[in-house]
């Protein structure tokens, strides 16, 4: 059974998105005229060779960098129209980011790392009940008081996901998140994202070079030389 969407309800829209870097007299087109629409509750994977523009696209969607040309809209908000401070506030409130490097604070426990964004954004802290529910979803409740150096790679990645979810974002961006995981933990991570999409209607954009990871999405976008080279969709059981 195919998942259904409101065709006018887009979580992400890019129009002619271009990012150019300058090195000396050379201009490097990291991304060229990329137009993409992603629906609310859709799980999209982005693949391509190294240097194809995958991470650049994700960083543009996150508002971590600004485009040279074109438009990025998240929930109809034009990120290019926001200054740095406004983009940061918007990202904190609306976008959860999971990187390949877990970027956990080594002196904080798993629970404290998860709660860090909500404590930075005062007045938006999770309730104890919400935290317990999240820890149960991630299957790390019994590890909540452990610091990163006493957690496995898979557990650290789940803490990183918990931190990304702590502000209850509608959009989750993941940049090569399985690169440091073994095959078992990689599959568990992908299954968790799939469940977040299916059960909680989260919109997910995941960048990967691994085909077995890309296959977990509703749609796979392939980049080549900074442009969309191919798109494929698959049916997902409801």
Foldseek 3Di string as FASTA:
>chain_A
DFDDFDPVAFQKWWAQFWAWDDDPPDIATLAGGATDTHHFLFAEEEAEDPSLNQVVVLCCQLLVDDTPDIFMAGRRRTSNVDDPVVSVVCSLQAEFEAEQPLPFDQVAFLQCSLQVSDVVVPPQGDDPVVSVVLCVLLVCPVRRRPGPVPDDPLSSSSSSVSNSCRSPHLEYEYEQNCVPPDPVSLVVVLVSVLCCSVVVRRYYYYYHHDPVSSVSGQKYFYGGSNYTDDMDGDGDDD
